[in-house]
PDB file of N, CA and C in Angstrom:
ATOM      1  N   MET A   1     -66.590-127.529-218.601  1.00  0.00           N
ATOM      2  CA  MET A   1     -67.097-128.866-218.818  1.00  0.00           C
ATOM      3  C   MET A   1     -66.632-129.442-220.148  1.00  0.00           C
ATOM      4  N   SER A   2     -66.147-128.615-221.037  1.00  0.00           N
ATOM      5  CA  SER A   2     -65.710-129.137-222.328  1.00  0.00           C
ATOM      6  C   SER A   2     -64.480-130.022-222.185  1.00  0.00           C
ATOM      7  N   PHE A   3     -63.747-129.893-221.082  1.00  0.00           N
ATOM      8  CA  PHE A   3     -62.582-130.741-220.869  1.00  0.00           C
ATOM      9  C   PHE A   3     -62.986-132.208-220.822  1.00  0.00           C
ATOM     10  N   PHE A   4     -64.097-132.496-220.160  1.00  0.00           N
ATOM     11  CA  PHE A   4     -64.525-133.878-220.000  1.00  0.00           C
ATOM     12  C   PHE A   4     -65.149-134.443-221.268  1.00  0.00           C
ATOM     13  N   ASP A   5     -65.492-133.597-222.222  1.00  0.00           N
ATOM     14  CA  ASP A   5     -66.064-134.083-223.468  1.00  0.00           C
ATOM     15  C   ASP A   5     -65.035-134.785-224.334  1.00  0.00           C
ATOM     16  N   THR A   6     -63.752-134.572-224.076  1.00  0.00           N
ATOM     17  CA  THR A   6     -62.720-135.195-224.894  1.00  0.00           C
ATOM     18  C   THR A   6     -62.541-136.672-224.563  1.00  0.00           C
ATOM     19  N   TYR A   7     -62.985-137.104-223.409  1.00  0.00           N
ATOM     20  CA  TYR A   7     -62.870-138.511-223.038  1.00  0.00           C
ATOM     21  C   TYR A   7     -64.004-139.301-223.674  1.00  0.00           C
ATOM     22  N   GLY A   8     -63.729-140.572-223.927  1.00  0.00           N
ATOM     23  CA  GLY A   8     -64.708-141.407-224.600  1.00  0.00           C
ATOM     24  C   GLY A   8     -65.835-141.881-223.704  1.00  0.00           C
ATOM     25  N   ASN A   9     -65.564-142.106-222.436  1.00  0.00           N
ATOM     26  CA  ASN A   9     -66.600-142.647-221.564  1.00  0.00           C
ATOM     27  C   ASN A   9     -66.306-142.291-220.109  1.00  0.00           C
ATOM     28  N   ASN A  10     -67.201-142.703-219.233  1.00  0.00           N
ATOM     29  CA  ASN A  10     -67.096-142.338-217.823  1.00  0.00           C
ATOM     30  C   ASN A  10     -65.930-143.014-217.109  1.00  0.00           C
ATOM     31  N   GLY A  11     -65.553-144.187-217.532  1.00  0.00           N
ATOM     32  CA  GLY A  11     -64.458-144.905-216.874  1.00  0.00           C
ATOM     33  C   GLY A  11     -63.146-144.147-216.946  1.00  0.00           C
ATOM     34  N   ASP A  12     -62.892-143.508-218.082  1.00  0.00           N
ATOM     35  CA  ASP A  12     -61.670-142.723-218.216  1.00  0.00           C
ATOM     36  C   ASP A  12     -61.674-141.531-217.268  1.00  0.00           C
ATOM     37  N   ILE A  13     -62.822-140.886-217.131  1.00  0.00           N
ATOM     38  CA  ILE A  13     -62.925-139.707-216.268  1.00  0.00           C
ATOM     39  C   ILE A  13     -62.700-140.098-214.813  1.00  0.00           C
ATOM     40  N   VAL A  14     -63.371-141.150-214.372  1.00  0.00           N
ATOM     41  CA  VAL A  14     -63.244-141.591-212.980  1.00  0.00           C
ATOM     42  C   VAL A  14     -61.811-142.014-212.684  1.00  0.00           C
ATOM     43  N   SER A  15     -61.209-142.743-213.592  1.00  0.00           N
ATOM     44  CA  SER A  15     -59.840-143.198-213.395  1.00  0.00           C
ATOM     45  C   SER A  15     -58.876-142.019-213.328  1.00  0.00           C
ATOM     46  N   GLN A  16     -59.061-141.029-214.184  1.00  0.00           N
ATOM     47  CA  GLN A  16     -58.178-139.864-214.199  1.00  0.00           C
ATOM     48  C   GLN A  16     -58.320-139.034-212.925  1.00  0.00           C
ATOM     49  N   VAL A  17     -59.550-138.809-212.476  1.00  0.00           N
ATOM     50  CA  VAL A  17     -59.773-138.027-211.255  1.00  0.00           C
ATOM     51  C   VAL A  17     -59.180-138.748-210.050  1.00  0.00           C
ATOM     52  N   LEU A  18     -59.400-140.047-209.949  1.00  0.00           N
ATOM     53  CA  LEU A  18     -58.853-140.818-208.837  1.00  0.00           C
ATOM     54  C   LEU A  18     -57.329-140.784-208.844  1.00  0.00           C
ATOM     55  N   SER A  19     -56.743-140.922-210.014  1.00  0.00           N
ATOM     56  CA  SER A  19     -55.291-140.879-210.121  1.00  0.00           C
ATOM     57  C   SER A  19     -54.747-139.516-209.714  1.00  0.00           C
ATOM     58  N   ASP A  20     -55.413-138.444-210.132  1.00  0.00           N
ATOM     59  CA  ASP A  20     -54.959-137.097-209.783  1.00  0.00           C
ATOM     60  C   ASP A  20     -55.066-136.835-208.288  1.00  0.00           C
ATOM     61  N   VAL A  21     -56.140-137.288-207.672  1.00  0.00           N
ATOM     62  CA  VAL A  21     -56.310-137.094-206.230  1.00  0.00           C
ATOM     63  C   VAL A  21     -55.237-137.856-205.458  1.00  0.00           C
ATOM     64  N   LEU A  22     -54.959-139.082-205.856  1.00  0.00           N
ATOM     65  CA  LEU A  22     -53.922-139.865-205.179  1.00  0.00           C
ATOM     66  C   LEU A  22     -52.542-139.253-205.384  1.00  0.00           C
ATOM     67  N   LEU A  23     -52.308-138.678-206.558  1.00  0.00           N
ATOM     68  CA  LEU A  23     -51.029-138.035-206.829  1.00  0.00           C
ATOM     69  C   LEU A  23     -50.834-136.809-205.944  1.00  0.00           C
ATOM     70  N   ILE A  24     -51.868-136.009-205.796  1.00  0.00           N
ATOM     71  CA  ILE A  24     -51.787-134.823-204.939  1.00  0.00           C
ATOM     72  C   ILE A  24     -51.585-135.228-203.481  1.00  0.00           C
ATOM     73  N   GLN A  25     -52.290-136.256-203.054  1.00  0.00           N
ATOM     74  CA  GLN A  25     -52.154-136.714-201.671  1.00  0.00           C
ATOM     75  C   GLN A  25     -50.738-137.202-201.389  1.00  0.00           C
ATOM     76  N   SER A  26     -50.175-137.977-202.299  1.00  0.00           N
ATOM     77  CA  SER A  26     -48.824-138.489-202.062  1.00  0.00           C
ATOM     78  C   SER A  26     -47.794-137.372-202.124  1.00  0.00           C
ATOM     79  N   ALA A  27     -48.027-136.369-202.954  1.00  0.00           N
ATOM     80  CA  ALA A  27     -47.076-135.262-203.056  1.00  0.00           C
ATOM     81  C   ALA A  27     -47.076-134.417-201.793  1.00  0.00           C
ATOM     82  N   LEU A  28     -48.231-134.207-201.210  1.00  0.00           N
ATOM     83  CA  LEU A  28     -48.306-133.345-200.038  1.00  0.00           C
ATOM     84  C   LEU A  28     -47.964-134.068-198.747  1.00  0.00           C
ATOM     85  N   SER A  29     -48.191-135.355-198.684  1.00  0.00           N
ATOM     86  CA  SER A  29     -48.033-136.041-197.410  1.00  0.00           C
ATOM     87  C   SER A  29     -46.590-136.419-197.107  1.00  0.00           C
ATOM     88  N   GLU A  30     -45.918-137.054-198.013  1.00  0.00           N
ATOM     89  CA  GLU A  30     -44.619-137.631-197.692  1.00  0.00           C
ATOM     90  C   GLU A  30     -43.461-136.935-198.388  1.00  0.00           C
ATOM     91  N   LYS A  31     -43.638-136.531-199.615  1.00  0.00           N
ATOM     92  CA  LYS A  31     -42.516-136.058-200.417  1.00  0.00           C
ATOM     93  C   LYS A  31     -41.983-134.705-199.971  1.00  0.00           C
ATOM     94  N   VAL A  32     -42.838-133.838-199.473  1.00  0.00           N
ATOM     95  CA  VAL A  32     -42.369-132.528-199.018  1.00  0.00           C
ATOM     96  C   VAL A  32     -41.453-132.694-197.806  1.00  0.00           C
ATOM     97  N   GLY A  33     -41.845-133.524-196.874  1.00  0.00           N
ATOM     98  CA  GLY A  33     -41.003-133.777-195.706  1.00  0.00           C
ATOM     99  C   GLY A  33     -39.685-134.424-196.077  1.00  0.00           C
ATOM    100  N   ASN A  34     -39.739-135.375-196.990  1.00  0.00           N
ATOM    101  CA  ASN A  34     -38.506-136.020-197.441  1.00  0.00           C
ATOM    102  C   ASN A  34     -37.586-135.031-198.147  1.00  0.00           C
ATOM    103  N   TYR A  35     -38.170-134.140-198.934  1.00  0.00           N
ATOM    104  CA  TYR A  35     -37.368-133.142-199.647  1.00  0.00           C
ATOM    105  C   TYR A  35     -36.644-132.225-198.666  1.00  0.00           C
ATOM    106  N   ILE A  36     -37.354-131.745-197.662  1.00  0.00           N
ATOM    107  CA  ILE A  36     -36.735-130.868-196.664  1.00  0.00           C
ATOM    108  C   ILE A  36     -35.627-131.608-195.913  1.00  0.00           C
ATOM    109  N   HIS A  37     -35.893-132.848-195.543  1.00  0.00           N
ATOM    110  CA  HIS A  37     -34.888-133.652-194.841  1.00  0.00           C
ATOM    111  C   HIS A  37     -33.655-133.871-195.716  1.00  0.00           C
ATOM    112  N   ASN A  38     -33.858-134.221-196.980  1.00  0.00           N
ATOM    113  CA  ASN A  38     -32.730-134.483-197.877  1.00  0.00           C
ATOM    114  C   ASN A  38     -31.905-133.226-198.139  1.00  0.00           C
ATOM    115  N   MET A  39     -32.559-132.089-198.309  1.00  0.00           N
ATOM    116  CA  MET A  39     -31.820-130.842-198.538  1.00  0.00           C
ATOM    117  C   MET A  39     -31.017-130.439-197.302  1.00  0.00           C
ATOM    118  N   ALA A  40     -31.597-130.606-196.123  1.00  0.00           N
ATOM    119  CA  ALA A  40     -30.866-130.288-194.893  1.00  0.00           C
ATOM    120  C   ALA A  40     -29.663-131.208-194.731  1.00  0.00           C
ATOM    121  N   THR A  41     -29.834-132.481-195.044  1.00  0.00           N
ATOM    122  CA  THR A  41     -28.724-133.429-194.963  1.00  0.00           C
ATOM    123  C   THR A  41     -27.631-133.073-195.960  1.00  0.00           C
ATOM    124  N   PHE A  42     -28.028-132.719-197.183  1.00  0.00           N
ATOM    125  CA  PHE A  42     -27.051-132.368-198.216  1.00  0.00           C
ATOM    126  C   PHE A  42     -26.229-131.148-197.818  1.00  0.00           C
ATOM    127  N   PHE A  43     -26.906-130.082-197.421  1.00  0.00           N
ATOM    128  CA  PHE A  43     -26.177-128.863-197.086  1.00  0.00           C
ATOM    129  C   PHE A  43     -25.362-129.021-195.800  1.00  0.00           C
ATOM    130  N   GLY A  44     -25.871-129.776-194.852  1.00  0.00           N
ATOM    131  CA  GLY A  44     -25.091-130.049-193.647  1.00  0.00           C
ATOM    132  C   GLY A  44     -23.839-130.842-193.962  1.00  0.00           C
ATOM    133  N   GLY A  45     -23.976-131.866-194.785  1.00  0.00           N
ATOM    134  CA  GLY A  45     -22.814-132.657-195.191  1.00  0.00           C
ATOM    135  C   GLY A  45     -21.825-131.852-196.011  1.00  0.00           C
ATOM    136  N   LEU A  46     -22.340-130.945-196.834  1.00  0.00           N
ATOM    137  CA  LEU A  46     -21.460-130.094-197.636  1.00  0.00           C
ATOM    138  C   LEU A  46     -20.631-129.164-196.749  1.00  0.00           C
ATOM    139  N   VAL A  47     -21.260-128.582-195.768  1.00  0.00           N
ATOM    140  CA  VAL A  47     -20.536-127.693-194.849  1.00  0.00           C
ATOM    141  C   VAL A  47     -19.487-128.476-194.071  1.00  0.00           C
ATOM    142  N   ILE A  48     -19.855-129.636-193.562  1.00  0.00           N
ATOM    143  CA  ILE A  48     -18.894-130.457-192.813  1.00  0.00           C
ATOM    144  C   ILE A  48     -17.745-130.887-193.717  1.00  0.00           C
ATOM    145  N   GLY A  49     -18.062-131.273-194.954  1.00  0.00           N
ATOM    146  CA  GLY A  49     -17.012-131.672-195.890  1.00  0.00           C
ATOM    147  C   GLY A  49     -16.082-130.532-196.249  1.00  0.00           C
ATOM    148  N   LEU A  50     -16.633-129.337-196.457  1.00  0.00           N
ATOM    149  CA  LEU A  50     -15.788-128.192-196.790  1.00  0.00           C
ATOM    150  C   LEU A  50     -14.901-127.784-195.618  1.00  0.00           C
ATOM    151  N   VAL A  51     -15.401-127.938-194.411  1.00  0.00           N
ATOM    152  CA  VAL A  51     -14.598-127.589-193.232  1.00  0.00           C
ATOM    153  C   VAL A  51     -13.479-128.606-193.025  1.00  0.00           C
ATOM    154  N   ASN A  52     -13.774-129.887-193.174  1.00  0.00           N
ATOM    155  CA  ASN A  52     -12.782-130.931-192.887  1.00  0.00           C
ATOM    156  C   ASN A  52     -11.747-131.084-193.997  1.00  0.00           C
ATOM    157  N   CYS A  53     -12.188-131.202-195.232  1.00  0.00           N
ATOM    158  CA  CYS A  53     -11.256-131.399-196.350  1.00  0.00           C
ATOM    159  C   CYS A  53     -11.883-130.800-197.602  1.00  0.00           C
ATOM    160  N   TRP A  54     -11.572-129.543-197.870  1.00  0.00           N
ATOM    161  CA  TRP A  54     -12.270-128.830-198.928  1.00  0.00           C
ATOM    162  C   TRP A  54     -11.929-129.363-200.316  1.00  0.00           C
ATOM    163  N   GLN A  55     -10.740-129.975-200.503  1.00  0.00           N
ATOM    164  CA  GLN A  55     -10.372-130.497-201.817  1.00  0.00           C
ATOM    165  C   GLN A  55     -11.283-131.662-202.220  1.00  0.00           C
ATOM    166  N   ILE A  56     -11.496-132.574-201.297  1.00  0.00           N
ATOM    167  CA  ILE A  56     -12.351-133.725-201.591  1.00  0.00           C
ATOM    168  C   ILE A  56     -13.803-133.288-201.724  1.00  0.00           C
ATOM    169  N   ALA A  57     -14.215-132.312-200.936  1.00  0.00           N
ATOM    170  CA  ALA A  57     -15.589-131.809-201.033  1.00  0.00           C
ATOM    171  C   ALA A  57     -15.842-131.186-202.401  1.00  0.00           C
ATOM    172  N   LEU A  58     -14.881-130.429-202.921  1.00  0.00           N
ATOM    173  CA  LEU A  58     -15.042-129.846-204.257  1.00  0.00           C
ATOM    174  C   LEU A  58     -15.039-130.923-205.338  1.00  0.00           C
ATOM    175  N   LEU A  59     -14.246-131.964-205.127  1.00  0.00           N
ATOM    176  CA  LEU A  59     -14.220-133.065-206.084  1.00  0.00           C
ATOM    177  C   LEU A  59     -15.567-133.787-206.125  1.00  0.00           C
ATOM    178  N   THR A  60     -16.158-133.991-204.965  1.00  0.00           N
ATOM    179  CA  THR A  60     -17.468-134.652-204.942  1.00  0.00           C
ATOM    180  C   THR A  60     -18.565-133.751-205.497  1.00  0.00           C
ATOM    181  N   LEU A  61     -18.424-132.438-205.368  1.00  0.00           N
ATOM    182  CA  LEU A  61     -19.407-131.524-205.956  1.00  0.00           C
ATOM    183  C   LEU A  61     -19.396-131.594-207.485  1.00  0.00           C
ATOM    184  N   ALA A  62     -18.253-131.961-208.065  1.00  0.00           N
ATOM    185  CA  ALA A  62     -18.163-132.067-209.519  1.00  0.00           C
ATOM    186  C   ALA A  62     -19.022-133.206-210.060  1.00  0.00           C
ATOM    187  N   THR A  63     -19.348-134.176-209.220  1.00  0.00           N
ATOM    188  CA  THR A  63     -20.189-135.284-209.678  1.00  0.00           C
ATOM    189  C   THR A  63     -21.675-134.939-209.639  1.00  0.00           C
ATOM    190  N   GLY A  64     -22.021-133.810-209.045  1.00  0.00           N
ATOM    191  CA  GLY A  64     -23.424-133.400-208.920  1.00  0.00           C
ATOM    192  C   GLY A  64     -24.188-133.331-210.230  1.00  0.00           C
ATOM    193  N   PRO A  65     -23.640-132.679-211.270  1.00  0.00           N
ATOM    194  CA  PRO A  65     -24.387-132.619-212.538  1.00  0.00           C
ATOM    195  C   PRO A  65     -24.673-133.993-213.145  1.00  0.00           C
ATOM    196  N   PHE A  66     -23.760-134.936-212.970  1.00  0.00           N
ATOM    197  CA  PHE A  66     -23.997-136.280-213.496  1.00  0.00           C
ATOM    198  C   PHE A  66     -25.138-136.978-212.750  1.00  0.00           C
ATOM    199  N   ILE A  67     -25.192-136.768-211.456  1.00  0.00           N
ATOM    200  CA  ILE A  67     -26.265-137.359-210.654  1.00  0.00           C
ATOM    201  C   ILE A  67     -27.603-136.740-211.026  1.00  0.00           C
ATOM    202  N   VAL A  68     -27.617-135.419-211.224  1.00  0.00           N
ATOM    203  CA  VAL A  68     -28.853-134.738-211.620  1.00  0.00           C
ATOM    204  C   VAL A  68     -29.303-135.209-213.001  1.00  0.00           C
ATOM    205  N   ALA A  69     -28.363-135.380-213.929  1.00  0.00           N
ATOM    206  CA  ALA A  69     -28.710-135.856-215.269  1.00  0.00           C
ATOM    207  C   ALA A  69     -29.287-137.272-215.221  1.00  0.00           C
ATOM    208  N   ALA A  70     -28.690-138.135-214.420  1.00  0.00           N
ATOM    209  CA  ALA A  70     -29.212-139.497-214.291  1.00  0.00           C
ATOM    210  C   ALA A  70     -30.611-139.486-213.693  1.00  0.00           C
ATOM    211  N   GLY A  71     -30.835-138.634-212.705  1.00  0.00           N
ATOM    212  CA  GLY A  71     -32.171-138.518-212.120  1.00  0.00           C
ATOM    213  C   GLY A  71     -33.184-137.987-213.116  1.00  0.00           C
ATOM    214  N   GLY A  72     -32.782-137.026-213.940  1.00  0.00           N
ATOM    215  CA  GLY A  72     -33.688-136.486-214.955  1.00  0.00           C
ATOM    216  C   GLY A  72     -34.059-137.520-216.000  1.00  0.00           C
ATOM    217  N   ILE A  73     -33.092-138.302-216.432  1.00  0.00           N
ATOM    218  CA  ILE A  73     -33.370-139.351-217.420  1.00  0.00           C
ATOM    219  C   ILE A  73     -34.302-140.403-216.838  1.00  0.00           C
ATOM    220  N   SER A  74     -34.047-140.817-215.605  1.00  0.00           N
ATOM    221  CA  SER A  74     -34.938-141.810-214.997  1.00  0.00           C
ATOM    222  C   SER A  74     -36.331-141.234-214.779  1.00  0.00           C
ATOM    223  N   ASN A  75     -36.431-139.943-214.491  1.00  0.00           N
ATOM    224  CA  ASN A  75     -37.731-139.302-214.326  1.00  0.00           C
ATOM    225  C   ASN A  75     -38.513-139.304-215.634  1.00  0.00           C
ATOM    226  N   ILE A  76     -37.835-139.084-216.752  1.00  0.00           N
ATOM    227  CA  ILE A  76     -38.504-139.126-218.059  1.00  0.00           C
ATOM    228  C   ILE A  76     -39.063-140.517-218.321  1.00  0.00           C
ATOM    229  N   PHE A  77     -38.263-141.550-218.074  1.00  0.00           N
ATOM    230  CA  PHE A  77     -38.736-142.918-218.294  1.00  0.00           C
ATOM    231  C   PHE A  77     -39.897-143.271-217.371  1.00  0.00           C
ATOM    232  N   LEU A  78     -39.803-142.861-216.109  1.00  0.00           N
ATOM    233  CA  LEU A  78     -40.887-143.151-215.173  1.00  0.00           C
ATOM    234  C   LEU A  78     -42.166-142.422-215.557  1.00  0.00           C
ATOM    235  N   HIS A  79     -42.035-141.207-216.085  1.00  0.00           N
ATOM    236  CA  HIS A  79     -43.214-140.458-216.526  1.00  0.00           C
ATOM    237  C   HIS A  79     -43.893-141.162-217.699  1.00  0.00           C
ATOM    238  N   ARG A  80     -43.106-141.664-218.629  1.00  0.00           N
ATOM    239  CA  ARG A  80     -43.681-142.405-219.766  1.00  0.00           C
ATOM    240  C   ARG A  80     -44.378-143.679-219.295  1.00  0.00           C
ATOM    241  N   LEU A  81     -43.763-144.384-218.359  1.00  0.00           N
ATOM    242  CA  LEU A  81     -44.390-145.594-217.833  1.00  0.00           C
ATOM    243  C   LEU A  81     -45.679-145.270-217.091  1.00  0.00           C
ATOM    244  N   ALA A  82     -45.689-144.169-216.349  1.00  0.00           N
ATOM    245  CA  ALA A  82     -46.898-143.765-215.628  1.00  0.00           C
ATOM    246  C   ALA A  82     -48.023-143.425-216.599  1.00  0.00           C
ATOM    247  N   GLU A  83     -47.691-142.806-217.727  1.00  0.00           N
ATOM    248  CA  GLU A  83     -48.715-142.520-218.736  1.00  0.00           C
ATOM    249  C   GLU A  83     -49.289-143.813-219.305  1.00  0.00           C
ATOM    250  N   ASN A  84     -48.435-144.789-219.573  1.00  0.00           N
ATOM    251  CA  ASN A  84     -48.915-146.074-220.088  1.00  0.00           C
ATOM    252  C   ASN A  84     -49.805-146.778-219.070  1.00  0.00           C
ATOM    253  N   ILE A  85     -49.414-146.722-217.810  1.00  0.00           N
ATOM    254  CA  ILE A  85     -50.220-147.339-216.757  1.00  0.00           C
ATOM    255  C   ILE A  85     -51.564-146.643-216.641  1.00  0.00           C
ATOM    256  N   GLN A  86     -51.560-145.306-216.720  1.00  0.00           N
ATOM    257  CA  GLN A  86     -52.810-144.550-216.629  1.00  0.00           C
ATOM    258  C   GLN A  86     -53.743-144.898-217.786  1.00  0.00           C
ATOM    259  N   ASP A  87     -53.195-145.054-218.979  1.00  0.00           N
ATOM    260  CA  ASP A  87     -54.018-145.449-220.119  1.00  0.00           C
ATOM    261  C   ASP A  87     -54.624-146.836-219.909  1.00  0.00           C
ATOM    262  N   ALA A  88     -53.818-147.762-219.376  1.00  0.00           N
ATOM    263  CA  ALA A  88     -54.324-149.111-219.124  1.00  0.00           C
ATOM    264  C   ALA A  88     -55.405-149.102-218.054  1.00  0.00           C
ATOM    265  N   TYR A  89     -55.214-148.317-216.984  1.00  0.00           N
ATOM    266  CA  TYR A  89     -56.241-148.206-215.945  1.00  0.00           C
ATOM    267  C   TYR A  89     -57.520-147.590-216.494  1.00  0.00           C
ATOM    268  N   GLY A  90     -57.385-146.598-217.355  1.00  0.00           N
ATOM    269  CA  GLY A  90     -58.559-145.971-217.954  1.00  0.00           C
ATOM    270  C   GLY A  90     -59.347-146.950-218.800  1.00  0.00           C
ATOM    271  N   GLU A  91     -58.633-147.743-219.579  1.00  0.00           N
ATOM    272  CA  GLU A  91     -59.305-148.742-220.411  1.00  0.00           C
ATOM    273  C   GLU A  91     -59.968-149.813-219.547  1.00  0.00           C
ATOM    274  N   ALA A  92     -59.286-150.256-218.499  1.00  0.00           N
ATOM    275  CA  ALA A  92     -59.863-151.265-217.610  1.00  0.00           C
ATOM    276  C   ALA A  92     -61.075-150.715-216.872  1.00  0.00           C
ATOM    277  N   ALA A  93     -61.003-149.467-216.426  1.00  0.00           N
ATOM    278  CA  ALA A  93     -62.143-148.856-215.743  1.00  0.00           C
ATOM    279  C   ALA A  93     -63.320-148.690-216.688  1.00  0.00           C
ATOM    280  N   SER A  94     -63.028-148.400-217.936  1.00  0.00           N
ATOM    281  CA  SER A  94     -64.089-148.265-218.930  1.00  0.00           C
ATOM    282  C   SER A  94     -64.798-149.595-219.152  1.00  0.00           C
ATOM    283  N   ILE A  95     -64.028-150.659-219.268  1.00  0.00           N
ATOM    284  CA  ILE A  95     -64.618-151.985-219.464  1.00  0.00           C
ATOM    285  C   ILE A  95     -65.427-152.388-218.237  1.00  0.00           C
ATOM    286  N   ALA A  96     -64.880-152.132-217.052  1.00  0.00           N
ATOM    287  CA  ALA A  96     -65.602-152.471-215.824  1.00  0.00           C
ATOM    288  C   ALA A  96     -66.888-151.663-215.699  1.00  0.00           C
ATOM    289  N   GLU A  97     -66.843-150.388-216.068  1.00  0.00           N
ATOM    290  CA  GLU A  97     -68.035-149.544-215.989  1.00  0.00           C
ATOM    291  C   GLU A  97     -69.094-150.000-216.981  1.00  0.00           C
ATOM    292  N   GLN A  98     -68.671-150.385-218.176  1.00  0.00           N
ATOM    293  CA  GLN A  98     -69.619-150.878-219.175  1.00  0.00           C
ATOM    294  C   GLN A  98     -70.231-152.196-218.726  1.00  0.00           C
ATOM    295  N   THR A  99     -69.430-153.067-218.138  1.00  0.00           N
ATOM    296  CA  THR A  99     -69.936-154.346-217.657  1.00  0.00           C
ATOM    297  C   THR A  99     -70.906-154.144-216.503  1.00  0.00           C
ATOM    298  N   TYR A 100     -70.595-153.216-215.631  1.00  0.00           N
ATOM    299  CA  TYR A 100     -71.449-152.956-214.476  1.00  0.00           C
ATOM    300  C   TYR A 100     -72.789-152.367-214.900  1.00  0.00           C
ATOM    301  N   THR A 101     -72.804-151.517-215.913  1.00  0.00           N
ATOM    302  CA  THR A 101     -74.059-150.899-216.350  1.00  0.00           C
ATOM    303  C   THR A 101     -74.935-151.875-217.121  1.00  0.00           C
ATOM    304  N   LEU A 102     -74.375-152.965-217.642  1.00  0.00           N
ATOM    305  CA  LEU A 102     -75.180-153.947-218.364  1.00  0.00           C
ATOM    306  C   LEU A 102     -76.034-154.780-217.418  1.00  0.00           C
ATOM    307  N   ARG A 103     -75.644-154.917-216.192  1.00  0.00           N
ATOM    308  CA  ARG A 103     -76.361-155.784-215.251  1.00  0.00           C
ATOM    309  C   ARG A 103     -77.424-155.052-214.524  1.00  0.00           C
TER     310      ARG A 103
END
């Protein structure tokens, strides 16, 4: 229970729990299936490319690290934006909770 003592008020706690539940739901529902589909497509295309023209397939594999790096950089920026959004939602939920308890 000491984890929840670090938050200033109930609005932050409710907002954080709701955000975490929605994050888990979205991760389990759609993203796992998409990941399996994308990996199967990638490896299938790689095999077909290596069979048909292995020189071009190896050339396209060389671009893989650049694509992964671009995805990692965009993931860092999106994570920072998500933290800012979560802070704003927490503050808004806190204000709404305080307003609701006054009435």
